[in-house]
Amino acid sequence: MVGRIVGGSTVPEGKYPFAVRLEIASGGDDYLCGGTLIASDLVVTAAHCVVEPEVSSLFAPEEINVCYGSSSVAAQKCTPAVNVTVHPQYNPTVYSNDIALIRIAPLASNNNSNGGVGAAAIYTGKLPENTTLITMGWGKTSSNSSALPTTLMSTEIKIGSRSACRQAQPGYQSSDGPDVCTVNALTPGRDSCQGDSGSPTVVAQGASVLLAALTSSGVDLSNPGAADCAMPNGLAFYTHVYYYMDFITATSGRPASAFTGSAKSSGDSASDGESGDSHSGAATASSAALAALLLLLMLAAL
């Protein structure tokens, strides 16, 4: 399945201590995804990362390892999932409501230049057209290569216009809804790719970086059936995390303030003062468009 970073650079140790790598082994197949620590015991990721693609059933918790503590794969420690919860309205056909929570044994917070662990605060502000985001992951760096990077990679992407994004998702309104839409033409040669699914996409706010979205799916409008990345006519869709705050709070049993921290802003929100999970599915793409879109950001490891 798909998701990767193309046109990126190596992330220094300790820069994004909330980024985690998911290793999934089931039925003789191995898969790779990413995720974000939003609490010492809670990881948010894409639903399609934790749902077995052939049968649309959840991977067992013991089949999922959460690897953390370093940008370097070799230096990471891994811990098994304890519990997995997928959004109740997740649709694997069109990848709407593509979000899940993984509970793990609590990790000790420790962030320094040699790596570390730290939870991300969720961004609560608006995401207008042309906003620059930083996306990251351990996925492929080229559509034509099976090699995977040994360290975390990141690159900048930009939110596209409503008209551009509607070419792939006719119901799209804005990136303040359930999906954040980026347009490759705004940042040529840069994209997420296979293996990056579920990985964090962040927005800079002063000296802080805040979690805005999760890598979900993508499409090359010139060749909708292809799984190529960073194509000139490509678009990518990322799950807007704050939009699903109701799901996060209901699943975790914790208030929104436990996850927003410094991400809180006066009067700014994803949808008129409240998170928008009650509107889940409002911007579902047509199955014809998204069937081709699939950067299915979960990679069958080779």
Protein backbone atom coordinates (compact mmCIF):
# COMPACT_ATOMS: atom_id res chain seq x y z
CA MET A 1 0.00 0.00 0.00
CA VAL A 2 1.26 3.58 -0.44
CA GLY A 3 2.91 6.67 1.20
CA ARG A 4 6.45 8.19 0.99
CA ILE A 5 8.55 11.38 1.01
CA VAL A 6 9.86 12.59 -2.35
CA GLY A 7 12.10 15.64 -2.74
CA GLY A 8 12.83 15.78 0.98
CA SER A 9 15.78 16.02 3.32
CA THR A 10 17.00 14.06 6.33
CA VAL A 11 15.48 15.12 9.66
CA PRO A 12 18.01 15.84 12.44
CA GLU A 13 17.73 13.81 15.63
CA GLY A 14 15.28 15.24 18.14
CA LYS A 15 13.55 17.63 15.73
CA TYR A 16 10.26 15.72 15.55
CA PRO A 17 10.21 13.47 18.66
CA PHE A 18 6.51 12.73 18.14
CA ALA A 19 7.02 10.93 14.80
CA VAL A 20 6.79 7.14 15.08
CA ARG A 21 7.15 4.29 12.61
CA LEU A 22 4.62 1.45 12.46
CA GLU A 23 5.82 -2.04 11.58
CA ILE A 24 2.93 -4.37 10.81
CA ALA A 25 3.40 -8.11 10.27
CA SER A 26 0.36 -10.21 9.39
CA GLY A 27 -0.08 -13.49 7.55
CA GLY A 28 3.44 -13.47 6.19
CA ASP A 29 3.15 -9.91 4.84
CA ASP A 30 4.98 -6.88 6.21
CA TYR A 31 3.66 -3.32 6.01
CA LEU A 32 5.06 0.09 6.88
CA CYS A 33 3.24 3.21 8.05
CA GLY A 34 3.83 6.21 10.26
CA GLY A 35 2.05 7.80 13.17
CA THR A 36 2.20 10.60 15.74
CA LEU A 37 2.45 10.46 19.50
CA ILE A 38 -0.24 12.77 20.89
CA ALA A 39 0.18 11.46 24.44
CA SER A 40 2.70 9.19 26.13
CA ASP A 41 0.40 6.24 25.51
CA LEU A 42 -1.51 7.27 22.38
CA VAL A 43 -0.62 7.30 18.67
CA VAL A 44 -2.81 8.75 15.94
CA THR A 45 -2.46 7.30 12.44
CA ALA A 46 -4.44 6.62 9.27
CA ALA A 47 -7.21 4.04 9.57
CA HIS A 48 -6.04 2.28 6.40
CA CYS A 49 -2.74 1.55 8.15
CA VAL A 50 -4.39 -0.67 10.75
CA VAL A 51 -7.05 -2.33 8.59
CA GLU A 52 -5.95 -5.41 6.66
CA PRO A 53 -6.44 -4.45 2.99
CA GLU A 54 -7.68 -7.75 1.61
CA VAL A 55 -10.39 -8.44 4.17
CA SER A 56 -11.03 -4.98 5.68
CA SER A 57 -10.58 -6.28 9.22
CA LEU A 58 -8.39 -4.78 11.93
CA PHE A 59 -4.87 -6.02 12.36
CA ALA A 60 -4.51 -7.59 15.81
CA PRO A 61 -2.70 -5.30 18.29
CA GLU A 62 0.13 -7.80 18.63
CA GLU A 63 0.74 -7.53 14.86
CA ILE A 64 1.52 -3.80 15.17
CA ASN A 65 4.82 -2.51 16.54
CA VAL A 66 5.22 1.21 17.28
CA CYS A 67 8.87 2.24 16.84
CA TYR A 68 10.04 5.45 18.47
CA GLY A 69 12.87 7.46 19.99
CA SER A 70 15.01 8.30 16.96
CA SER A 71 14.95 9.54 13.38
CA SER A 72 17.24 6.61 12.60
CA VAL A 73 15.51 3.28 12.05
CA ALA A 74 18.49 1.41 13.51
CA ALA A 75 18.38 3.37 16.76
CA GLN A 76 14.65 3.04 17.40
CA LYS A 77 13.00 1.01 20.12
CA CYS A 78 9.69 -0.70 19.43
CA THR A 79 6.67 -1.49 21.58
CA PRO A 80 3.56 -3.49 20.65
CA ALA A 81 0.12 -1.95 20.35
CA VAL A 82 -2.22 -2.59 23.27
CA ASN A 83 -5.46 -1.52 21.61
CA VAL A 84 -6.53 -0.15 18.22
CA THR A 85 -9.63 1.95 17.49
CA VAL A 86 -10.68 2.98 13.98
CA HIS A 87 -13.10 5.84 13.31
CA PRO A 88 -16.58 4.25 13.19
CA GLN A 89 -17.34 5.90 9.83
CA TYR A 90 -14.08 5.01 8.11
CA ASN A 91 -14.77 4.04 4.50
CA PRO A 92 -11.96 1.91 2.99
CA THR A 93 -13.34 2.35 -0.52
CA VAL A 94 -12.92 6.13 -0.67
CA TYR A 95 -10.66 6.63 2.37
CA SER A 96 -12.99 9.02 4.15
CA ASN A 97 -12.62 9.42 7.93
CA ASP A 98 -9.17 7.87 7.56
CA ILE A 99 -8.07 8.07 11.18
CA ALA A 100 -7.33 5.59 13.98
CA LEU A 101 -5.88 5.60 17.48
CA ILE A 102 -3.35 3.10 18.81
CA ARG A 103 -2.89 2.75 22.54
CA ILE A 104 0.54 1.65 23.78
CA ALA A 105 2.26 1.28 27.14
CA PRO A 106 3.22 4.80 28.31
CA LEU A 107 6.57 6.07 27.05
CA ALA A 108 8.83 8.27 29.14
CA SER A 109 9.22 11.74 27.64
CA ASN A 110 12.84 12.52 26.82
CA ASN A 111 13.80 14.79 23.94
CA ASN A 112 17.37 15.82 23.11
CA SER A 113 19.76 16.09 20.18
CA ASN A 114 20.38 12.34 20.30
CA GLY A 115 16.74 11.53 19.68
CA GLY A 116 13.95 11.26 22.18
CA VAL A 117 10.22 10.99 22.75
CA GLY A 118 7.65 13.77 22.98
CA ALA A 119 3.96 14.25 22.21
CA ALA A 120 2.76 16.62 19.49
CA ALA A 121 0.16 19.29 20.18
CA ILE A 122 -2.73 19.35 17.70
CA TYR A 123 -3.12 22.52 15.64
CA THR A 124 -6.53 24.18 16.08
CA GLY A 125 -6.21 27.08 13.64
CA LYS A 126 -7.40 27.63 10.10
CA LEU A 127 -5.65 26.03 7.10
CA PRO A 128 -6.18 28.41 4.16
CA GLU A 129 -5.05 28.00 0.58
CA ASN A 130 -1.27 28.31 0.04
CA THR A 131 -0.46 27.42 3.66
CA THR A 132 2.94 25.73 3.83
CA LEU A 133 3.00 22.40 5.66
CA ILE A 134 5.82 20.00 6.49
CA THR A 135 5.16 16.33 5.85
CA MET A 136 7.46 13.51 6.88
CA GLY A 137 7.93 9.77 6.96
CA TRP A 138 10.16 6.75 6.44
CA GLY A 139 8.52 5.82 3.13
CA LYS A 140 9.92 5.62 -0.38
CA THR A 141 11.82 8.57 -1.81
CA SER A 142 10.99 7.71 -5.43
CA SER A 143 8.15 5.94 -7.20
CA ASN A 144 10.70 3.97 -9.20
CA SER A 145 12.73 2.63 -6.28
CA SER A 146 11.96 -0.08 -3.76
CA ALA A 147 14.62 1.22 -1.36
CA LEU A 148 13.53 2.80 1.90
CA PRO A 149 15.43 5.52 3.76
CA THR A 150 17.17 4.62 6.99
CA THR A 151 16.29 7.96 8.58
CA LEU A 152 13.19 10.13 8.81
CA MET A 153 12.70 12.41 5.79
CA SER A 154 10.64 15.61 5.51
CA THR A 155 9.60 18.08 2.83
CA GLU A 156 7.40 21.15 2.39
CA ILE A 157 4.04 21.01 0.62
CA LYS A 158 1.29 23.61 0.08
CA ILE A 159 -2.49 23.60 0.43
CA GLY A 160 -4.26 23.91 -2.91
CA SER A 161 -7.27 25.87 -4.10
CA ARG A 162 -10.83 24.61 -3.90
CA SER A 163 -11.09 24.39 -7.68
CA ALA A 164 -7.89 22.36 -7.98
CA CYS A 165 -8.83 19.95 -5.19
CA ARG A 166 -12.34 19.42 -6.54
CA GLN A 167 -10.85 17.83 -9.64
CA ALA A 168 -10.24 14.77 -7.48
CA GLN A 169 -12.76 15.26 -4.68
CA PRO A 170 -15.92 16.96 -5.99
CA GLY A 171 -17.33 17.58 -2.51
CA TYR A 172 -14.20 19.32 -1.24
CA GLN A 173 -14.86 22.69 0.42
CA SER A 174 -11.64 23.67 2.17
CA SER A 175 -8.81 22.20 4.22
CA ASP A 176 -10.67 23.20 7.38
CA GLY A 177 -12.93 20.21 6.68
CA PRO A 178 -12.09 16.51 7.10
CA ASP A 179 -9.34 16.48 4.46
CA VAL A 180 -6.37 18.75 3.87
CA CYS A 181 -5.61 18.95 0.14
CA THR A 182 -2.18 19.76 -1.29
CA VAL A 183 -1.29 20.37 -4.93
CA ASN A 184 2.04 19.15 -6.28
CA ALA A 185 2.33 22.00 -8.78
CA LEU A 186 2.77 24.42 -5.86
CA THR A 187 5.88 22.55 -4.66
CA PRO A 188 7.25 20.72 -7.73
CA GLY A 189 9.05 17.46 -7.07
CA ARG A 190 7.87 17.20 -3.46
CA ASP A 191 5.28 14.77 -2.15
CA SER A 192 4.49 11.99 0.28
CA CYS A 193 4.78 8.44 -1.04
CA GLN A 194 4.50 4.68 -0.29
CA GLY A 195 5.25 3.92 3.35
CA ASP A 196 4.38 7.42 4.61
CA SER A 197 0.71 6.71 5.30
CA GLY A 198 -0.43 7.89 8.70
CA SER A 199 2.71 9.96 9.21
CA PRO A 200 2.53 13.48 10.66
CA THR A 201 2.08 16.63 8.62
CA VAL A 202 2.78 19.73 10.69
CA VAL A 203 2.42 23.49 10.55
CA ALA A 204 5.02 25.88 11.97
CA GLN A 205 3.78 28.42 14.52
CA GLY A 206 6.63 30.51 15.82
CA ALA A 207 9.28 28.20 17.23
CA SER A 208 6.78 25.34 17.53
CA VAL A 209 5.50 22.77 15.07
CA LEU A 210 1.95 21.56 15.57
CA LEU A 211 0.21 18.47 14.20
CA ALA A 212 -2.18 19.42 11.40
CA ALA A 213 -2.81 16.25 9.41
CA LEU A 214 -1.95 12.62 8.58
CA THR A 215 -0.86 11.26 5.21
CA SER A 216 -3.85 9.51 3.63
CA SER A 217 -4.16 9.26 -0.19
CA GLY A 218 -3.25 10.91 -3.47
CA VAL A 219 -3.82 10.95 -7.22
CA ASP A 220 -2.10 11.84 -10.46
CA LEU A 221 -4.85 13.50 -12.50
CA SER A 222 -2.93 12.75 -15.72
CA ASN A 223 -2.80 9.03 -14.93
CA PRO A 224 -5.41 8.26 -12.26
CA GLY A 225 -4.69 4.54 -12.11
CA ALA A 226 -1.00 4.95 -11.34
CA ALA A 227 0.61 4.92 -7.90
CA ASP A 228 3.24 7.50 -8.79
CA CYS A 229 4.37 10.25 -6.44
CA ALA A 230 5.29 13.91 -6.98
CA MET A 231 3.70 14.00 -10.43
CA PRO A 232 3.16 17.52 -11.85
CA ASN A 233 -0.63 17.01 -12.01
CA GLY A 234 -0.79 15.26 -8.65
CA LEU A 235 -2.80 16.06 -5.55
CA ALA A 236 -2.58 14.56 -2.08
CA PHE A 237 -5.13 14.32 0.71
CA TYR A 238 -4.27 14.33 4.39
CA THR A 239 -6.64 13.60 7.28
CA HIS A 240 -7.26 16.86 9.18
CA VAL A 241 -6.60 15.84 12.78
CA TYR A 242 -8.39 18.66 14.61
CA TYR A 243 -11.56 18.00 12.62
CA TYR A 244 -11.69 14.63 14.39
CA MET A 245 -11.17 15.90 17.92
CA ASP A 246 -14.53 14.44 19.01
CA PHE A 247 -13.31 10.98 17.99
CA ILE A 248 -10.00 11.49 19.79
CA THR A 249 -11.59 12.69 23.03
CA ALA A 250 -14.32 10.03 23.02
CA THR A 251 -11.83 7.23 22.37
CA SER A 252 -9.22 8.41 24.86
CA GLY A 253 -11.59 9.63 27.57
CA ARG A 254 -9.58 12.86 27.82
CA PRO A 255 -10.53 16.49 27.13
CA ALA A 256 -9.44 18.32 24.00
CA SER A 257 -7.14 20.49 26.12
CA ALA A 258 -5.02 17.40 26.81
CA PHE A 259 -4.10 17.29 23.12
CA THR A 260 -4.00 20.90 21.98
CA GLY A 261 -1.70 22.48 24.57
CA SER A 262 0.08 25.43 22.99
CA ALA A 263 -1.83 24.72 19.80
CA LYS A 264 -4.85 26.57 21.20
CA SER A 265 -5.56 29.88 19.52
CA SER A 266 -8.07 32.61 20.28
CA GLY A 267 -11.14 32.25 18.12
CA ASP A 268 -9.50 30.01 15.52
CA SER A 269 -10.81 26.52 14.94
CA ALA A 270 -11.42 23.93 12.28
CA SER A 271 -15.11 24.62 11.99
CA ASP A 272 -16.71 27.67 13.54
CA GLY A 273 -15.47 27.22 17.08
CA GLU A 274 -15.75 23.46 17.43
CA SER A 275 -13.99 20.47 16.02
CA GLY A 276 -15.99 18.98 13.17
CA ASP A 277 -16.17 15.25 13.85
CA SER A 278 -19.96 15.42 14.01
CA HIS A 279 -19.85 16.19 10.27
CA SER A 280 -17.76 13.11 9.42
CA GLY A 281 -17.99 12.09 5.80
CA ALA A 282 -19.28 15.45 4.57
CA ALA A 283 -16.51 15.74 2.00
CA THR A 284 -16.29 12.15 0.80
CA ALA A 285 -14.74 11.86 -2.65
CA SER A 286 -16.43 10.06 -5.50
CA SER A 287 -15.29 6.45 -5.59
CA ALA A 288 -14.24 6.85 -9.22
CA ALA A 289 -11.89 9.69 -8.36
CA LEU A 290 -10.40 8.22 -5.22
CA ALA A 291 -10.10 4.70 -6.56
CA ALA A 292 -7.45 6.16 -8.82
CA LEU A 293 -6.08 8.48 -6.15
CA LEU A 294 -4.59 5.81 -4.11
CA LEU A 295 -1.16 6.68 -2.96
CA LEU A 296 -2.45 4.14 -0.45
CA LEU A 297 0.09 5.24 1.99
CA MET A 298 0.91 1.93 3.49
CA LEU A 299 3.77 0.09 1.83
CA ALA A 300 4.19 -3.64 1.48
CA ALA A 301 7.84 -3.88 2.51
CA LEU A 302 10.08 -5.54 -0.02
